[in-house]
Amino acid sequence: GEGKRTDYVPGAVVVVGTLALNRT
């Protein structure tokens, strides 16, 4: 999202956000 950034994180991570499916 706008204004948010992250560095690489080694190992497993948990992501929480809104799912969007690509159908087309």
mmCIF file of all heavy atoms, coordinates in Angstrom:
data_MODEL
# 
_entry.id   MODEL 
# 
loop_
_atom_site.group_PDB 
_atom_site.id 
_atom_site.type_symbol 
_atom_site.label_atom_id 
_atom_site.label_alt_id 
_atom_site.label_comp_id 
_atom_site.label_asym_id 
_atom_site.label_entity_id 
_atom_site.label_seq_id 
_atom_site.pdbx_PDB_ins_code 
_atom_site.Cartn_x 
_atom_site.Cartn_y 
_atom_site.Cartn_z 
_atom_site.occupancy 
_atom_site.B_iso_or_equiv 
_atom_site.pdbx_formal_charge 
_atom_site.auth_seq_id 
_atom_site.auth_comp_id 
_atom_site.auth_asym_id 
_atom_site.auth_atom_id 
_atom_site.pdbx_PDB_model_num 
ATOM 1   N N   . GLY A 1 1  ? 0.818   -1.213  0.000   1.00 0.00 ? 1  GLY A N   1 
ATOM 2   C CA  . GLY A 1 1  ? 0.000   0.000   0.000   1.00 0.00 ? 1  GLY A CA  1 
ATOM 3   C C   . GLY A 1 1  ? 0.849   1.258   0.000   1.00 0.00 ? 1  GLY A C   1 
ATOM 4   O O   . GLY A 1 1  ? 2.064   1.236   0.262   1.00 0.00 ? 1  GLY A O   1 
ATOM 5   N N   . GLU A 1 2  ? 0.213   2.362   -0.284  1.00 0.00 ? 2  GLU A N   1 
ATOM 6   C CA  . GLU A 1 2  ? 0.908   3.634   -0.450  1.00 0.00 ? 2  GLU A CA  1 
ATOM 7   C C   . GLU A 1 2  ? 1.658   4.021   0.824   1.00 0.00 ? 2  GLU A C   1 
ATOM 8   O O   . GLU A 1 2  ? 1.104   3.984   1.925   1.00 0.00 ? 2  GLU A O   1 
ATOM 9   C CB  . GLU A 1 2  ? -0.095  4.731   -0.824  1.00 0.00 ? 2  GLU A CB  1 
ATOM 10  C CG  . GLU A 1 2  ? 0.560   6.055   -1.190  1.00 0.00 ? 2  GLU A CG  1 
ATOM 11  C CD  . GLU A 1 2  ? -0.442  7.081   -1.689  1.00 0.00 ? 2  GLU A CD  1 
ATOM 12  O OE1 . GLU A 1 2  ? -1.623  6.696   -1.879  1.00 0.00 ? 2  GLU A OE1 1 
ATOM 13  O OE2 . GLU A 1 2  ? -0.047  8.246   -1.866  1.00 0.00 ? 2  GLU A OE2 1 
ATOM 14  N N   . GLY A 1 3  ? 2.925   4.387   0.638   1.00 0.00 ? 3  GLY A N   1 
ATOM 15  C CA  . GLY A 1 3  ? 3.731   4.866   1.746   1.00 0.00 ? 3  GLY A CA  1 
ATOM 16  C C   . GLY A 1 3  ? 4.320   3.780   2.620   1.00 0.00 ? 3  GLY A C   1 
ATOM 17  O O   . GLY A 1 3  ? 5.048   4.080   3.575   1.00 0.00 ? 3  GLY A O   1 
ATOM 18  N N   . LYS A 1 4  ? 4.055   2.506   2.322   1.00 0.00 ? 4  LYS A N   1 
ATOM 19  C CA  . LYS A 1 4  ? 4.580   1.410   3.133   1.00 0.00 ? 4  LYS A CA  1 
ATOM 20  C C   . LYS A 1 4  ? 5.655   0.662   2.357   1.00 0.00 ? 4  LYS A C   1 
ATOM 21  O O   . LYS A 1 4  ? 5.509   0.400   1.167   1.00 0.00 ? 4  LYS A O   1 
ATOM 22  C CB  . LYS A 1 4  ? 3.468   0.433   3.517   1.00 0.00 ? 4  LYS A CB  1 
ATOM 23  C CG  . LYS A 1 4  ? 2.379   1.042   4.386   1.00 0.00 ? 4  LYS A CG  1 
ATOM 24  C CD  . LYS A 1 4  ? 1.321   -0.002  4.729   1.00 0.00 ? 4  LYS A CD  1 
ATOM 25  C CE  . LYS A 1 4  ? 0.221   0.576   5.582   1.00 0.00 ? 4  LYS A CE  1 
ATOM 26  N NZ  . LYS A 1 4  ? -0.818  -0.443  5.900   1.00 0.00 ? 4  LYS A NZ  1 
ATOM 27  N N   . ARG A 1 5  ? 6.736   0.315   3.048   1.00 0.00 ? 5  ARG A N   1 
ATOM 28  C CA  . ARG A 1 5  ? 7.827   -0.419  2.419   1.00 0.00 ? 5  ARG A CA  1 
ATOM 29  C C   . ARG A 1 5  ? 8.371   -1.435  3.419   1.00 0.00 ? 5  ARG A C   1 
ATOM 30  O O   . ARG A 1 5  ? 8.205   -1.294  4.632   1.00 0.00 ? 5  ARG A O   1 
ATOM 31  C CB  . ARG A 1 5  ? 8.948   0.533   1.966   1.00 0.00 ? 5  ARG A CB  1 
ATOM 32  C CG  . ARG A 1 5  ? 8.473   1.618   1.017   1.00 0.00 ? 5  ARG A CG  1 
ATOM 33  C CD  . ARG A 1 5  ? 9.609   2.574   0.652   1.00 0.00 ? 5  ARG A CD  1 
ATOM 34  N NE  . ARG A 1 5  ? 10.560  1.980   -0.276  1.00 0.00 ? 5  ARG A NE  1 
ATOM 35  C CZ  . ARG A 1 5  ? 10.381  1.902   -1.583  1.00 0.00 ? 5  ARG A CZ  1 
ATOM 36  N NH1 . ARG A 1 5  ? 9.281   2.387   -2.134  1.00 0.00 ? 5  ARG A NH1 1 
ATOM 37  N NH2 . ARG A 1 5  ? 11.295  1.366   -2.359  1.00 0.00 ? 5  ARG A NH2 1 
ATOM 38  N N   . THR A 1 6  ? 9.019   -2.452  2.888   1.00 0.00 ? 6  THR A N   1 
ATOM 39  C CA  . THR A 1 6  ? 9.640   -3.447  3.754   1.00 0.00 ? 6  THR A CA  1 
ATOM 40  C C   . THR A 1 6  ? 10.928  -3.936  3.141   1.00 0.00 ? 6  THR A C   1 
ATOM 41  O O   . THR A 1 6  ? 11.069  -3.995  1.913   1.00 0.00 ? 6  THR A O   1 
ATOM 42  C CB  . THR A 1 6  ? 8.690   -4.645  3.999   1.00 0.00 ? 6  THR A CB  1 
ATOM 43  O OG1 . THR A 1 6  ? 9.306   -5.542  4.937   1.00 0.00 ? 6  THR A OG1 1 
ATOM 44  C CG2 . THR A 1 6  ? 8.408   -5.408  2.724   1.00 0.00 ? 6  THR A CG2 1 
ATOM 45  N N   . ASP A 1 7  ? 11.888  -4.274  3.994   1.00 0.00 ? 7  ASP A N   1 
ATOM 46  C CA  . ASP A 1 7  ? 13.097  -4.934  3.553   1.00 0.00 ? 7  ASP A CA  1 
ATOM 47  C C   . ASP A 1 7  ? 12.846  -6.435  3.469   1.00 0.00 ? 7  ASP A C   1 
ATOM 48  O O   . ASP A 1 7  ? 11.864  -6.952  4.009   1.00 0.00 ? 7  ASP A O   1 
ATOM 49  C CB  . ASP A 1 7  ? 14.243  -4.661  4.537   1.00 0.00 ? 7  ASP A CB  1 
ATOM 50  C CG  . ASP A 1 7  ? 14.714  -3.221  4.492   1.00 0.00 ? 7  ASP A CG  1 
ATOM 51  O OD1 . ASP A 1 7  ? 14.980  -2.718  3.376   1.00 0.00 ? 7  ASP A OD1 1 
ATOM 52  O OD2 . ASP A 1 7  ? 14.806  -2.600  5.561   1.00 0.00 ? 7  ASP A OD2 1 
ATOM 53  N N   . TYR A 1 8  ? 13.753  -7.132  2.809   1.00 0.00 ? 8  TYR A N   1 
ATOM 54  C CA  . TYR A 1 8  ? 13.667  -8.588  2.723   1.00 0.00 ? 8  TYR A CA  1 
ATOM 55  C C   . TYR A 1 8  ? 13.790  -9.204  4.115   1.00 0.00 ? 8  TYR A C   1 
ATOM 56  O O   . TYR A 1 8  ? 14.636  -8.802  4.917   1.00 0.00 ? 8  TYR A O   1 
ATOM 57  C CB  . TYR A 1 8  ? 14.784  -9.118  1.817   1.00 0.00 ? 8  TYR A CB  1 
ATOM 58  C CG  . TYR A 1 8  ? 14.945  -10.616 1.858   1.00 0.00 ? 8  TYR A CG  1 
ATOM 59  C CD1 . TYR A 1 8  ? 14.015  -11.449 1.245   1.00 0.00 ? 8  TYR A CD1 1 
ATOM 60  C CD2 . TYR A 1 8  ? 16.015  -11.199 2.526   1.00 0.00 ? 8  TYR A CD2 1 
ATOM 61  C CE1 . TYR A 1 8  ? 14.155  -12.829 1.286   1.00 0.00 ? 8  TYR A CE1 1 
ATOM 62  C CE2 . TYR A 1 8  ? 16.174  -12.573 2.571   1.00 0.00 ? 8  TYR A CE2 1 
ATOM 63  C CZ  . TYR A 1 8  ? 15.237  -13.385 1.951   1.00 0.00 ? 8  TYR A CZ  1 
ATOM 64  O OH  . TYR A 1 8  ? 15.379  -14.740 2.000   1.00 0.00 ? 8  TYR A OH  1 
ATOM 65  N N   . VAL A 1 9  ? 12.928  -10.171 4.384   1.00 0.00 ? 9  VAL A N   1 
ATOM 66  C CA  . VAL A 1 9  ? 12.952  -10.875 5.663   1.00 0.00 ? 9  VAL A CA  1 
ATOM 67  C C   . VAL A 1 9  ? 13.240  -12.348 5.376   1.00 0.00 ? 9  VAL A C   1 
ATOM 68  O O   . VAL A 1 9  ? 12.460  -13.012 4.688   1.00 0.00 ? 9  VAL A O   1 
ATOM 69  C CB  . VAL A 1 9  ? 11.606  -10.747 6.403   1.00 0.00 ? 9  VAL A CB  1 
ATOM 70  C CG1 . VAL A 1 9  ? 11.648  -11.535 7.709   1.00 0.00 ? 9  VAL A CG1 1 
ATOM 71  C CG2 . VAL A 1 9  ? 11.274  -9.285  6.658   1.00 0.00 ? 9  VAL A CG2 1 
ATOM 72  N N   . PRO A 1 10 ? 14.358  -12.903 5.846   1.00 0.00 ? 10 PRO A N   1 
ATOM 73  C CA  . PRO A 1 10 ? 14.634  -14.330 5.613   1.00 0.00 ? 10 PRO A CA  1 
ATOM 74  C C   . PRO A 1 10 ? 13.722  -15.203 6.447   1.00 0.00 ? 10 PRO A C   1 
ATOM 75  O O   . PRO A 1 10 ? 13.243  -14.800 7.504   1.00 0.00 ? 10 PRO A O   1 
ATOM 76  C CB  . PRO A 1 10 ? 16.098  -14.476 6.049   1.00 0.00 ? 10 PRO A CB  1 
ATOM 77  C CG  . PRO A 1 10 ? 16.297  -13.385 7.063   1.00 0.00 ? 10 PRO A CG  1 
ATOM 78  C CD  . PRO A 1 10 ? 15.432  -12.244 6.613   1.00 0.00 ? 10 PRO A CD  1 
ATOM 79  N N   . GLY A 1 11 ? 13.483  -16.407 5.957   1.00 0.00 ? 11 GLY A N   1 
ATOM 80  C CA  . GLY A 1 11 ? 12.607  -17.323 6.682   1.00 0.00 ? 11 GLY A CA  1 
ATOM 81  C C   . GLY A 1 11 ? 11.142  -17.030 6.413   1.00 0.00 ? 11 GLY A C   1 
ATOM 82  O O   . GLY A 1 11 ? 10.780  -16.141 5.631   1.00 0.00 ? 11 GLY A O   1 
ATOM 83  N N   . ALA A 1 12 ? 10.287  -17.784 7.057   1.00 0.00 ? 12 ALA A N   1 
ATOM 84  C CA  . ALA A 1 12 ? 8.842   -17.654 6.831   1.00 0.00 ? 12 ALA A CA  1 
ATOM 85  C C   . ALA A 1 12 ? 8.313   -16.339 7.406   1.00 0.00 ? 12 ALA A C   1 
ATOM 86  O O   . ALA A 1 12 ? 8.777   -15.859 8.440   1.00 0.00 ? 12 ALA A O   1 
ATOM 87  C CB  . ALA A 1 12 ? 8.110   -18.832 7.462   1.00 0.00 ? 12 ALA A CB  1 
ATOM 88  N N   . VAL A 1 13 ? 7.338   -15.772 6.709   1.00 0.00 ? 13 VAL A N   1 
ATOM 89  C CA  . VAL A 1 13 ? 6.648   -14.569 7.180   1.00 0.00 ? 13 VAL A CA  1 
ATOM 90  C C   . VAL A 1 13 ? 5.146   -14.788 7.073   1.00 0.00 ? 13 VAL A C   1 
ATOM 91  O O   . VAL A 1 13 ? 4.673   -15.647 6.323   1.00 0.00 ? 13 VAL A O   1 
ATOM 92  C CB  . VAL A 1 13 ? 7.046   -13.313 6.373   1.00 0.00 ? 13 VAL A CB  1 
ATOM 93  C CG1 . VAL A 1 13 ? 8.517   -13.009 6.538   1.00 0.00 ? 13 VAL A CG1 1 
ATOM 94  C CG2 . VAL A 1 13 ? 6.678   -13.472 4.897   1.00 0.00 ? 13 VAL A CG2 1 
ATOM 95  N N   . VAL A 1 14 ? 4.405   -13.995 7.833   1.00 0.00 ? 14 VAL A N   1 
ATOM 96  C CA  . VAL A 1 14 ? 2.947   -14.000 7.766   1.00 0.00 ? 14 VAL A CA  1 
ATOM 97  C C   . VAL A 1 14 ? 2.504   -12.692 7.138   1.00 0.00 ? 14 VAL A C   1 
ATOM 98  O O   . VAL A 1 14 ? 2.929   -11.609 7.565   1.00 0.00 ? 14 VAL A O   1 
ATOM 99  C CB  . VAL A 1 14 ? 2.321   -14.145 9.169   1.00 0.00 ? 14 VAL A CB  1 
ATOM 100 C CG1 . VAL A 1 14 ? 0.795   -14.114 9.076   1.00 0.00 ? 14 VAL A CG1 1 
ATOM 101 C CG2 . VAL A 1 14 ? 2.782   -15.428 9.832   1.00 0.00 ? 14 VAL A CG2 1 
ATOM 102 N N   . VAL A 1 15 ? 1.665   -12.797 6.113   1.00 0.00 ? 15 VAL A N   1 
ATOM 103 C CA  . VAL A 1 15 ? 1.135   -11.623 5.433   1.00 0.00 ? 15 VAL A CA  1 
ATOM 104 C C   . VAL A 1 15 ? -0.359  -11.534 5.705   1.00 0.00 ? 15 VAL A C   1 
ATOM 105 O O   . VAL A 1 15 ? -1.082  -12.523 5.568   1.00 0.00 ? 15 VAL A O   1 
ATOM 106 C CB  . VAL A 1 15 ? 1.390   -11.708 3.912   1.00 0.00 ? 15 VAL A CB  1 
ATOM 107 C CG1 . VAL A 1 15 ? 0.638   -10.618 3.183   1.00 0.00 ? 15 VAL A CG1 1 
ATOM 108 C CG2 . VAL A 1 15 ? 2.883   -11.626 3.623   1.00 0.00 ? 15 VAL A CG2 1 
ATOM 109 N N   . VAL A 1 16 ? -0.824  -10.366 6.110   1.00 0.00 ? 16 VAL A N   1 
ATOM 110 C CA  . VAL A 1 16 ? -2.250  -10.134 6.339   1.00 0.00 ? 16 VAL A CA  1 
ATOM 111 C C   . VAL A 1 16 ? -2.688  -8.979  5.459   1.00 0.00 ? 16 VAL A C   1 
ATOM 112 O O   . VAL A 1 16 ? -2.101  -7.896  5.507   1.00 0.00 ? 16 VAL A O   1 
ATOM 113 C CB  . VAL A 1 16 ? -2.543  -9.822  7.824   1.00 0.00 ? 16 VAL A CB  1 
ATOM 114 C CG1 . VAL A 1 16 ? -4.031  -9.553  8.018   1.00 0.00 ? 16 VAL A CG1 1 
ATOM 115 C CG2 . VAL A 1 16 ? -2.084  -10.957 8.723   1.00 0.00 ? 16 VAL A CG2 1 
ATOM 116 N N   . GLY A 1 17 ? -3.694  -9.219  4.621   1.00 0.00 ? 17 GLY A N   1 
ATOM 117 C CA  . GLY A 1 17 ? -4.187  -8.178  3.726   1.00 0.00 ? 17 GLY A CA  1 
ATOM 118 C C   . GLY A 1 17 ? -5.434  -8.643  3.018   1.00 0.00 ? 17 GLY A C   1 
ATOM 119 O O   . GLY A 1 17 ? -6.055  -9.649  3.396   1.00 0.00 ? 17 GLY A O   1 
ATOM 120 N N   . THR A 1 18 ? -5.821  -7.928  1.982   1.00 0.00 ? 18 THR A N   1 
ATOM 121 C CA  . THR A 1 18 ? -7.059  -8.202  1.258   1.00 0.00 ? 18 THR A CA  1 
ATOM 122 C C   . THR A 1 18 ? -6.768  -9.010  -0.009  1.00 0.00 ? 18 THR A C   1 
ATOM 123 O O   . THR A 1 18 ? -5.986  -8.580  -0.859  1.00 0.00 ? 18 THR A O   1 
ATOM 124 C CB  . THR A 1 18 ? -7.775  -6.898  0.874   1.00 0.00 ? 18 THR A CB  1 
ATOM 125 O OG1 . THR A 1 18 ? -8.028  -6.130  2.056   1.00 0.00 ? 18 THR A OG1 1 
ATOM 126 C CG2 . THR A 1 18 ? -9.105  -7.191  0.177   1.00 0.00 ? 18 THR A CG2 1 
ATOM 127 N N   . LEU A 1 19 ? -7.406  -10.163 -0.132  1.00 0.00 ? 19 LEU A N   1 
ATOM 128 C CA  . LEU A 1 19 ? -7.182  -11.025 -1.289  1.00 0.00 ? 19 LEU A CA  1 
ATOM 129 C C   . LEU A 1 19 ? -7.900  -10.483 -2.515  1.00 0.00 ? 19 LEU A C   1 
ATOM 130 O O   . LEU A 1 19 ? -9.070  -10.092 -2.455  1.00 0.00 ? 19 LEU A O   1 
ATOM 131 C CB  . LEU A 1 19 ? -7.689  -12.440 -0.984  1.00 0.00 ? 19 LEU A CB  1 
ATOM 132 C CG  . LEU A 1 19 ? -7.566  -13.454 -2.129  1.00 0.00 ? 19 LEU A CG  1 
ATOM 133 C CD1 . LEU A 1 19 ? -6.112  -13.748 -2.439  1.00 0.00 ? 19 LEU A CD1 1 
ATOM 134 C CD2 . LEU A 1 19 ? -8.312  -14.742 -1.788  1.00 0.00 ? 19 LEU A CD2 1 
ATOM 135 N N   . ALA A 1 20 ? -7.193  -10.482 -3.653  1.00 0.00 ? 20 ALA A N   1 
ATOM 136 C CA  . ALA A 1 20 ? -7.783  -10.128 -4.944  1.00 0.00 ? 20 ALA A CA  1 
ATOM 137 C C   . ALA A 1 20 ? -7.446  -11.236 -5.936  1.00 0.00 ? 20 ALA A C   1 
ATOM 138 O O   . ALA A 1 20 ? -6.271  -11.576 -6.108  1.00 0.00 ? 20 ALA A O   1 
ATOM 139 C CB  . ALA A 1 20 ? -7.243  -8.787  -5.432  1.00 0.00 ? 20 ALA A CB  1 
ATOM 140 N N   . LEU A 1 21 ? -8.466  -11.793 -6.576  1.00 0.00 ? 21 LEU A N   1 
ATOM 141 C CA  . LEU A 1 21 ? -8.277  -12.873 -7.539  1.00 0.00 ? 21 LEU A CA  1 
ATOM 142 C C   . LEU A 1 21 ? -8.267  -12.313 -8.953  1.00 0.00 ? 21 LEU A C   1 
ATOM 143 O O   . LEU A 1 21 ? -9.051  -11.429 -9.297  1.00 0.00 ? 21 LEU A O   1 
ATOM 144 C CB  . LEU A 1 21 ? -9.404  -13.911 -7.409  1.00 0.00 ? 21 LEU A CB  1 
ATOM 145 C CG  . LEU A 1 21 ? -9.548  -14.594 -6.055  1.00 0.00 ? 21 LEU A CG  1 
ATOM 146 C CD1 . LEU A 1 21 ? -10.735 -15.557 -6.075  1.00 0.00 ? 21 LEU A CD1 1 
ATOM 147 C CD2 . LEU A 1 21 ? -8.270  -15.330 -5.670  1.00 0.00 ? 21 LEU A CD2 1 
ATOM 148 N N   . ASN A 1 22 ? -7.386  -12.840 -9.781  1.00 0.00 ? 22 ASN A N   1 
ATOM 149 C CA  . ASN A 1 22 ? -7.304  -12.446 -11.187 1.00 0.00 ? 22 ASN A CA  1 
ATOM 150 C C   . ASN A 1 22 ? -8.013  -13.498 -12.034 1.00 0.00 ? 22 ASN A C   1 
ATOM 151 O O   . ASN A 1 22 ? -7.557  -14.633 -12.141 1.00 0.00 ? 22 ASN A O   1 
ATOM 152 C CB  . ASN A 1 22 ? -5.830  -12.315 -11.596 1.00 0.00 ? 22 ASN A CB  1 
ATOM 153 C CG  . ASN A 1 22 ? -5.659  -12.177 -13.101 1.00 0.00 ? 22 ASN A CG  1 
ATOM 154 O OD1 . ASN A 1 22 ? -6.561  -11.720 -13.800 1.00 0.00 ? 22 ASN A OD1 1 
ATOM 155 N ND2 . ASN A 1 22 ? -4.510  -12.587 -13.588 1.00 0.00 ? 22 ASN A ND2 1 
ATOM 156 N N   . ARG A 1 23 ? -9.135  -13.140 -12.635 1.00 0.00 ? 23 ARG A N   1 
ATOM 157 C CA  . ARG A 1 23 ? -9.926  -14.077 -13.437 1.00 0.00 ? 23 ARG A CA  1 
ATOM 158 C C   . ARG A 1 23 ? -9.771  -13.872 -14.941 1.00 0.00 ? 23 ARG A C   1 
ATOM 159 O O   . ARG A 1 23 ? -10.186 -14.736 -15.718 1.00 0.00 ? 23 ARG A O   1 
ATOM 160 C CB  . ARG A 1 23 ? -11.404 -13.936 -13.079 1.00 0.00 ? 23 ARG A CB  1 
ATOM 161 C CG  . ARG A 1 23 ? -11.726 -14.250 -11.629 1.00 0.00 ? 23 ARG A CG  1 
ATOM 162 C CD  . ARG A 1 23 ? -13.206 -13.976 -11.345 1.00 0.00 ? 23 ARG A CD  1 
ATOM 163 N NE  . ARG A 1 23 ? -13.568 -14.304 -9.976  1.00 0.00 ? 23 ARG A NE  1 
ATOM 164 C CZ  . ARG A 1 23 ? -13.362 -13.495 -8.937  1.00 0.00 ? 23 ARG A CZ  1 
ATOM 165 N NH1 . ARG A 1 23 ? -12.805 -12.302 -9.133  1.00 0.00 ? 23 ARG A NH1 1 
ATOM 166 N NH2 . ARG A 1 23 ? -13.719 -13.862 -7.719  1.00 0.00 ? 23 ARG A NH2 1 
ATOM 167 N N   . THR A 1 24 ? -9.186  -12.743 -15.355 1.00 0.00 ? 24 THR A N   1 
ATOM 168 C CA  . THR A 1 24 ? -9.287  -12.375 -16.769 1.00 0.00 ? 24 THR A CA  1 
ATOM 169 C C   . THR A 1 24 ? -7.967  -12.125 -17.484 1.00 0.00 ? 24 THR A C   1 
ATOM 170 O O   . THR A 1 24 ? -7.942  -12.097 -18.713 1.00 0.00 ? 24 THR A O   1 
ATOM 171 C CB  . THR A 1 24 ? -10.142 -11.097 -16.912 1.00 0.00 ? 24 THR A CB  1 
ATOM 172 O OG1 . THR A 1 24 ? -9.535  -10.043 -16.137 1.00 0.00 ? 24 THR A OG1 1 
ATOM 173 C CG2 . THR A 1 24 ? -11.556 -11.347 -16.407 1.00 0.00 ? 24 THR A CG2 1 
# 
